[in-house]
Protein backbone atom coordinates (compact mmCIF):
# COMPACT_ATOMS: atom_id res chain seq x y z
CA MET A 1 -1.68 -24.83 19.18
CA ARG A 2 -0.08 -23.60 22.37
CA PRO A 3 1.24 -26.49 24.73
CA SER A 4 -0.78 -27.26 27.83
CA LEU A 5 0.58 -27.08 31.16
CA PRO A 6 0.89 -30.91 31.54
CA GLN A 7 2.84 -30.84 28.26
CA ARG A 8 5.23 -28.11 29.54
CA PHE A 9 5.70 -30.07 32.73
CA ALA A 10 6.70 -33.06 30.64
CA ASP A 11 8.94 -30.92 28.81
CA ALA A 12 10.78 -29.82 31.77
CA VAL A 13 11.09 -33.40 32.83
CA PHE A 14 12.46 -34.82 29.67
CA LEU A 15 14.97 -31.92 29.05
CA SER A 16 16.81 -33.58 31.77
CA ARG A 17 17.12 -36.66 29.46
CA PRO A 18 16.13 -39.33 32.12
CA LEU A 19 17.14 -42.00 29.66
CA LEU A 20 20.81 -40.85 30.27
CA TRP A 21 20.41 -41.18 33.94
CA ILE A 22 20.66 -45.01 33.51
CA PRO A 23 24.48 -44.75 33.18
CA VAL A 24 24.47 -42.68 36.19
CA TRP A 25 22.78 -45.14 38.24
CA GLY A 26 24.97 -47.90 36.75
CA TYR A 27 28.31 -46.33 37.71
CA CYS A 28 26.66 -45.59 41.30
CA ALA A 29 25.91 -49.32 41.36
CA PHE A 30 29.56 -50.25 40.48
CA GLY A 31 30.76 -47.75 43.26
CA TYR A 32 28.24 -49.34 45.72
CA ALA A 33 29.26 -52.94 44.95
CA ALA A 34 32.88 -52.10 45.04
CA GLY A 35 32.64 -50.32 48.30
CA LEU A 36 30.81 -53.29 49.94
CA ARG A 37 33.37 -55.56 48.67
CA TYR A 38 36.24 -53.45 50.06
CA SER A 39 34.69 -52.52 53.43
CA ARG A 40 32.73 -55.67 54.43
CA GLY A 41 34.36 -58.36 52.24
CA ALA A 42 30.90 -58.75 50.65
CA ASP A 43 30.40 -61.24 47.74
CA PHE A 44 29.67 -60.55 43.96
CA PHE A 45 25.88 -60.56 44.54
CA CYS A 46 26.07 -58.05 47.57
CA GLY A 47 23.94 -55.48 45.56
CA TRP A 48 20.97 -57.89 45.68
CA HIS A 49 20.44 -57.34 49.25
CA ALA A 50 20.36 -53.58 49.14
CA SER A 51 17.26 -51.87 50.53
CA LEU A 52 15.12 -49.70 48.66
CA ARG A 53 16.60 -46.62 50.22
CA ILE A 54 19.81 -47.11 48.21
CA PRO A 55 18.47 -46.60 44.84
CA ALA A 56 16.33 -43.83 46.20
CA TRP A 57 19.31 -42.04 47.03
CA MET A 58 20.98 -42.75 43.85
CA LEU A 59 18.10 -41.25 42.21
CA VAL A 60 18.38 -38.01 44.33
CA PHE A 61 21.96 -37.76 43.33
CA SER A 62 21.30 -38.20 39.50
CA LEU A 63 18.95 -35.11 39.75
CA SER A 64 22.12 -33.10 39.60
CA VAL A 65 23.15 -34.82 36.43
CA GLY A 66 19.81 -34.15 34.91
CA ALA A 67 20.41 -30.47 35.77
CA VAL A 68 23.66 -30.69 33.98
CA TYR A 69 22.11 -32.08 30.89
CA VAL A 70 19.49 -29.31 30.79
CA PHE A 71 22.27 -26.71 31.20
CA ASN A 72 24.38 -28.38 28.53
CA GLN A 73 21.45 -28.09 26.09
CA ILE A 74 21.07 -24.53 26.87
CA ALA A 75 24.82 -23.76 26.15
CA ASP A 76 25.00 -25.94 23.09
CA ARG A 77 21.47 -25.24 21.50
CA GLU A 78 23.09 -23.66 18.42
CA VAL A 79 25.49 -26.54 17.79
CA ASP A 80 22.83 -29.22 18.74
CA ALA A 81 20.56 -27.67 15.87
CA ALA A 82 23.00 -28.64 13.26
CA ASN A 83 23.74 -32.07 14.53
CA ALA A 84 21.74 -35.19 13.85
CA GLY A 85 18.90 -36.35 16.26
CA PHE A 86 16.37 -34.58 17.96
CA PRO A 87 17.77 -32.45 20.96
CA LEU A 88 14.60 -31.21 22.56
CA LEU A 89 15.71 -27.62 23.33
CA ALA A 90 17.10 -27.05 19.72
CA LYS A 91 14.44 -28.68 17.76
CA GLY A 92 11.46 -29.28 20.26
CA ASP A 93 10.09 -25.61 20.32
CA ILE A 94 10.59 -25.44 24.11
CA PRO A 95 11.10 -22.05 25.55
CA ILE A 96 14.48 -21.36 27.35
CA PRO A 97 12.63 -20.28 30.60
CA VAL A 98 11.23 -23.73 30.95
CA ALA A 99 14.83 -25.18 30.62
CA TRP A 100 16.16 -22.78 33.32
CA ILE A 101 13.22 -23.76 35.70
CA SER A 102 13.95 -27.48 35.08
CA ALA A 103 17.66 -26.96 35.79
CA GLY A 104 17.25 -24.98 38.72
CA PHE A 105 14.76 -27.30 40.37
CA LEU A 106 16.94 -30.38 39.72
CA ALA A 107 19.80 -28.81 41.09
CA LEU A 108 18.42 -27.39 44.30
CA SER A 109 16.64 -30.85 44.88
CA SER A 110 19.93 -32.79 44.47
CA LEU A 111 21.73 -30.39 47.03
CA LEU A 112 19.01 -29.92 49.64
CA VAL A 113 17.21 -33.38 49.83
CA PRO A 114 20.46 -35.21 50.97
CA LEU A 115 20.81 -32.77 53.92
CA CYS A 116 17.93 -34.59 55.52
CA ALA A 117 19.59 -37.79 56.12
CA ARG A 118 22.77 -38.22 53.95
CA PRO A 119 24.57 -34.63 53.90
CA PHE A 120 27.73 -35.99 52.25
CA LEU A 121 25.78 -36.96 49.28
CA ALA A 122 25.36 -33.29 48.70
CA PHE A 123 29.00 -32.97 48.20
CA PHE A 124 28.83 -35.50 45.33
CA SER A 125 25.88 -33.58 43.81
CA LEU A 126 27.86 -30.26 44.02
CA LEU A 127 30.76 -31.85 42.35
CA SER A 128 28.47 -33.05 39.64
CA LEU A 129 27.02 -29.75 39.05
CA VAL A 130 30.42 -27.95 39.06
CA LEU A 131 31.79 -30.28 36.58
CA GLY A 132 28.69 -29.68 34.52
CA ILE A 133 29.02 -25.91 34.56
CA VAL A 134 32.85 -25.99 33.57
CA TYR A 135 32.10 -28.54 31.00
CA SER A 136 29.33 -26.35 29.32
CA ALA A 137 29.70 -22.72 30.16
CA LYS A 138 32.08 -20.15 29.27
CA PRO A 139 34.85 -18.97 29.89
CA PHE A 140 35.70 -22.59 30.84
CA ARG A 141 33.44 -24.67 28.13
CA LEU A 142 35.53 -27.81 28.54
CA ALA A 143 33.09 -29.57 26.07
CA GLY A 144 34.85 -27.79 23.32
CA ARG A 145 38.42 -28.29 24.41
CA PRO A 146 40.54 -31.18 23.49
CA TRP A 147 41.37 -33.70 26.19
CA PHE A 148 39.36 -31.80 28.98
CA ASP A 149 36.20 -32.66 27.08
CA PHE A 150 36.56 -36.52 27.77
CA LEU A 151 38.47 -36.23 30.99
CA THR A 152 35.63 -34.03 32.58
CA ASN A 153 32.93 -36.66 31.40
CA ALA A 154 35.08 -39.68 32.73
CA ALA A 155 35.55 -37.74 36.22
CA GLY A 156 31.83 -37.14 36.36
CA TYR A 157 30.92 -40.72 35.82
CA GLY A 158 34.00 -42.81 36.80
CA CYS A 159 34.97 -40.81 40.11
CA VAL A 160 31.83 -38.50 41.17
CA ALA A 161 28.97 -41.14 40.35
CA PHE A 162 31.04 -43.98 41.29
CA GLY A 163 31.95 -42.16 44.52
CA ALA A 164 28.37 -41.54 45.46
CA GLY A 165 27.79 -45.11 45.12
CA TRP A 166 30.79 -45.82 47.22
CA TYR A 167 29.59 -43.45 49.87
CA LEU A 168 26.31 -45.15 50.05
CA SER A 169 27.83 -48.51 50.79
CA GLY A 170 29.51 -47.08 53.76
CA ALA A 171 33.04 -47.50 52.78
CA SER A 172 35.72 -45.02 53.82
CA PHE A 173 37.59 -42.98 51.25
CA GLY A 174 41.37 -43.59 50.78
CA ALA A 175 43.91 -45.19 48.40
CA ARG A 176 41.52 -48.08 47.63
CA PHE A 177 38.91 -45.76 46.29
CA PHE A 178 41.13 -44.47 43.70
CA VAL A 179 42.24 -48.05 42.95
CA SER A 180 38.77 -49.23 42.63
CA SER A 181 37.40 -46.33 40.46
CA ALA A 182 40.41 -46.27 38.01
CA PRO A 183 39.00 -48.79 35.76
CA TYR A 184 35.74 -47.02 35.38
CA PHE A 185 37.31 -43.74 34.94
CA LEU A 186 39.40 -45.18 31.92
CA LEU A 187 36.41 -47.02 30.35
CA MET A 188 34.39 -43.78 30.36
CA CYS A 189 37.26 -41.92 28.75
CA ALA A 190 37.10 -44.21 26.00
CA GLY A 191 33.25 -44.24 25.82
CA SER A 192 33.07 -40.47 26.08
CA ILE A 193 35.73 -40.05 23.21
CA SER A 194 33.79 -42.48 21.07
CA SER A 195 30.41 -40.76 21.63
CA THR A 196 31.72 -37.65 19.98
CA LEU A 197 33.20 -39.17 16.73
CA PRO A 198 29.67 -38.96 14.82
CA ASP A 199 29.41 -35.39 15.71
CA ALA A 200 32.80 -34.30 14.77
CA GLU A 201 31.85 -32.72 11.52
CA GLY A 202 29.05 -30.43 13.11
CA ASP A 203 31.27 -29.63 16.09
CA ALA A 204 34.00 -28.51 13.71
CA ALA A 205 31.65 -26.18 11.72
CA HIS A 206 30.67 -24.46 14.94
CA GLY A 207 34.21 -24.15 16.25
CA LYS A 208 33.65 -26.68 18.94
CA ASN A 209 37.31 -28.32 19.26
CA THR A 210 36.53 -31.49 20.75
CA THR A 211 39.26 -34.14 20.90
CA ALA A 212 37.78 -35.83 17.91
CA VAL A 213 37.76 -32.60 16.04
CA VAL A 214 41.44 -31.73 16.82
CA LEU A 215 42.95 -35.21 16.53
CA GLY A 216 40.74 -36.24 13.65
CA VAL A 217 38.11 -39.19 13.84
CA LYS A 218 40.69 -41.91 13.17
CA LYS A 219 43.46 -40.63 15.76
CA ALA A 220 40.73 -40.10 18.15
CA HIS A 221 39.52 -43.58 17.93
CA TYR A 222 43.06 -44.86 18.42
CA ALA A 223 43.25 -42.93 21.63
CA ALA A 224 39.89 -44.45 22.80
CA CYS A 225 41.47 -47.78 22.02
CA VAL A 226 44.31 -47.06 24.43
CA PHE A 227 41.94 -46.08 27.23
CA ILE A 228 39.96 -49.36 26.73
CA ALA A 229 42.97 -51.46 26.82
CA ALA A 230 44.32 -49.55 30.08
CA GLY A 231 40.92 -49.96 31.62
CA LEU A 232 41.19 -53.75 31.14
CA VAL A 233 44.67 -53.85 32.75
CA SER A 234 43.52 -51.59 35.51
CA ALA A 235 40.40 -53.74 36.29
CA LEU A 236 42.61 -56.78 36.40
CA LEU A 237 45.19 -55.32 38.62
CA ALA A 238 42.25 -54.03 41.04
CA GLY A 239 40.67 -57.51 41.00
CA ASP A 240 37.46 -56.14 39.82
CA TRP A 241 35.83 -58.76 37.52
CA ALA A 242 32.87 -56.66 36.78
CA ALA A 243 34.90 -53.88 35.04
CA ALA A 244 37.18 -56.51 33.49
CA ALA A 245 34.43 -58.09 31.87
CA CYS A 246 32.90 -54.86 30.54
CA ALA A 247 36.39 -53.90 29.16
CA ALA A 248 36.97 -57.33 27.58
CA PHE A 249 33.78 -57.18 25.87
CA ALA A 250 34.43 -53.62 24.45
CA VAL A 251 37.94 -54.46 23.19
CA PRO A 252 36.79 -56.41 20.20
CA LEU A 253 34.26 -53.60 19.09
CA TYR A 254 36.99 -51.03 19.25
CA ALA A 255 39.25 -53.27 17.28
CA LEU A 256 36.83 -53.95 14.71
CA HIS A 257 36.06 -50.27 14.10
CA ALA A 258 39.87 -49.69 13.90
CA VAL A 259 39.92 -52.21 11.09
CA ARG A 260 36.43 -51.49 9.46
CA GLY A 261 35.87 -47.96 10.07
CA THR A 262 32.05 -47.66 9.15
CA ALA A 263 29.37 -45.66 10.87
CA ALA A 264 27.79 -48.82 12.23
CA THR A 265 31.05 -49.98 13.92
CA MET A 266 31.71 -46.40 15.03
CA GLU A 267 28.45 -46.38 17.12
CA SER A 268 28.61 -49.91 18.29
CA THR A 269 31.77 -49.05 20.22
CA TYR A 270 29.92 -46.74 22.89
CA LYS A 271 26.49 -47.77 22.26
CA ILE A 272 26.91 -51.67 22.49
CA GLY A 273 29.62 -51.39 24.77
CA GLY A 274 27.70 -49.07 27.27
CA MET A 275 24.73 -51.34 27.13
CA VAL A 276 26.78 -54.29 28.12
CA MET A 277 28.18 -52.13 31.00
CA MET A 278 24.61 -51.43 32.19
CA LEU A 279 23.53 -55.17 31.85
CA VAL A 280 26.53 -55.96 33.96
CA ALA A 281 25.54 -53.18 36.50
CA ALA A 282 22.01 -54.48 36.57
CA PHE A 283 23.40 -58.08 37.40
CA LEU A 284 25.30 -56.60 40.32
CA PHE A 285 22.51 -54.23 41.46
CA PRO A 286 18.98 -55.55 40.22
CA TRP A 287 17.25 -52.38 41.20
CA LEU A 288 18.89 -50.87 38.18
CA ALA A 289 16.76 -53.09 35.67
CA PRO A 290 13.30 -51.96 36.59
CA ALA A 291 14.32 -48.25 36.97
CA ALA A 292 15.93 -48.39 33.56
CA LEU A 293 12.82 -49.94 31.91
CA VAL A 294 10.56 -47.13 33.69
CA SER A 295 12.98 -44.48 32.07
CA LEU A 296 12.89 -45.99 28.72
CA GLY A 297 9.25 -46.53 28.73
CA ALA A 298 8.48 -43.02 29.89
CA THR A 299 10.79 -41.68 27.11
CA VAL A 300 9.24 -43.59 24.39
CA LEU A 301 5.49 -42.41 25.50
CA TYR A 302 6.84 -38.72 25.59
CA PHE A 303 8.18 -38.64 22.35
CA ARG A 304 5.41 -40.52 20.90
CA LEU A 305 2.38 -38.37 22.40
CA ARG A 306 4.40 -35.03 22.52
CA PHE A 307 6.00 -34.99 19.18
CA HIS A 308 4.35 -37.94 17.30
CA VAL A 309 7.82 -39.70 16.57
CA SER A 310 8.87 -43.19 17.19
CA TYR A 311 11.80 -43.18 19.89
CA PRO A 312 14.76 -43.82 19.29
CA SER A 313 14.46 -43.87 15.56
CA LEU A 314 12.62 -40.63 15.75
CA VAL A 315 10.73 -41.43 12.63
CA PRO A 316 7.50 -39.54 12.38
CA ILE A 317 4.45 -41.66 13.31
CA PRO A 318 1.58 -41.65 10.68
CA ARG A 319 -1.37 -39.73 12.10
CA LYS A 320 -4.80 -41.34 11.71
CA ASP A 321 -7.43 -39.19 10.04
């Protein structure tokens, strides 16, 4: 049966993977808190006093990242079809024009809405979009090039998203911004490498030369371990106890995988480590928790009602006769 208009609208929304907007908000929250501590000498709980306008602007910025996720699925639909999981564009029978409409609307909204009151935020949206294009599109296609794949990802989160939050805090940009963003950039380097390890076989089969493919899964994990350790050191040097706590929790997970090397320990590095980062971000910026719950709940309902599968396991739900 042909999908209805509301179903196509839901497809356009969830192609942007709103569940993955949560880390974007988290890195924005880290930047916002760090900027307040630097510019105003605020305490650890400064994010608790933020007005509703701040998370609203973070949401507007994250629309650019949503556009990038859609564009990435358009560019990678053949590779995604061979990998595990349920990438919507590759396996959800969603027309390509719907994806282009979704990406275009999100991109334009992220650029035009800030011009009403926060014009410089549009610059960060533009940076996010540019990074997304060079990450996914030919002839650049950095997603399939060793080192550039994770460095681009880390710059998007640890510099651009962090920078958007820093800007919203009212802090000025200078050397202190780079010192403050360095731990988050390094932690994202590690997480980005780790997230590609499970897909290394499928990526190699389609000629996608990620860092994990070129170095091999084991050596790529060792590189991620180096970035985690560097993130911990830089966080301590910057006096950022939030980043230090995130790194300190992740170090044992990465060490365990280096010793055990199982599928479960492989996924724990970036899944559990990433979850802890978002919990720390929610502690710094309490608006993040309800936003994350809404995004999770909406995603679960979408997959259940649209495709009759249970998210995140993606196991089919038995139909009642």
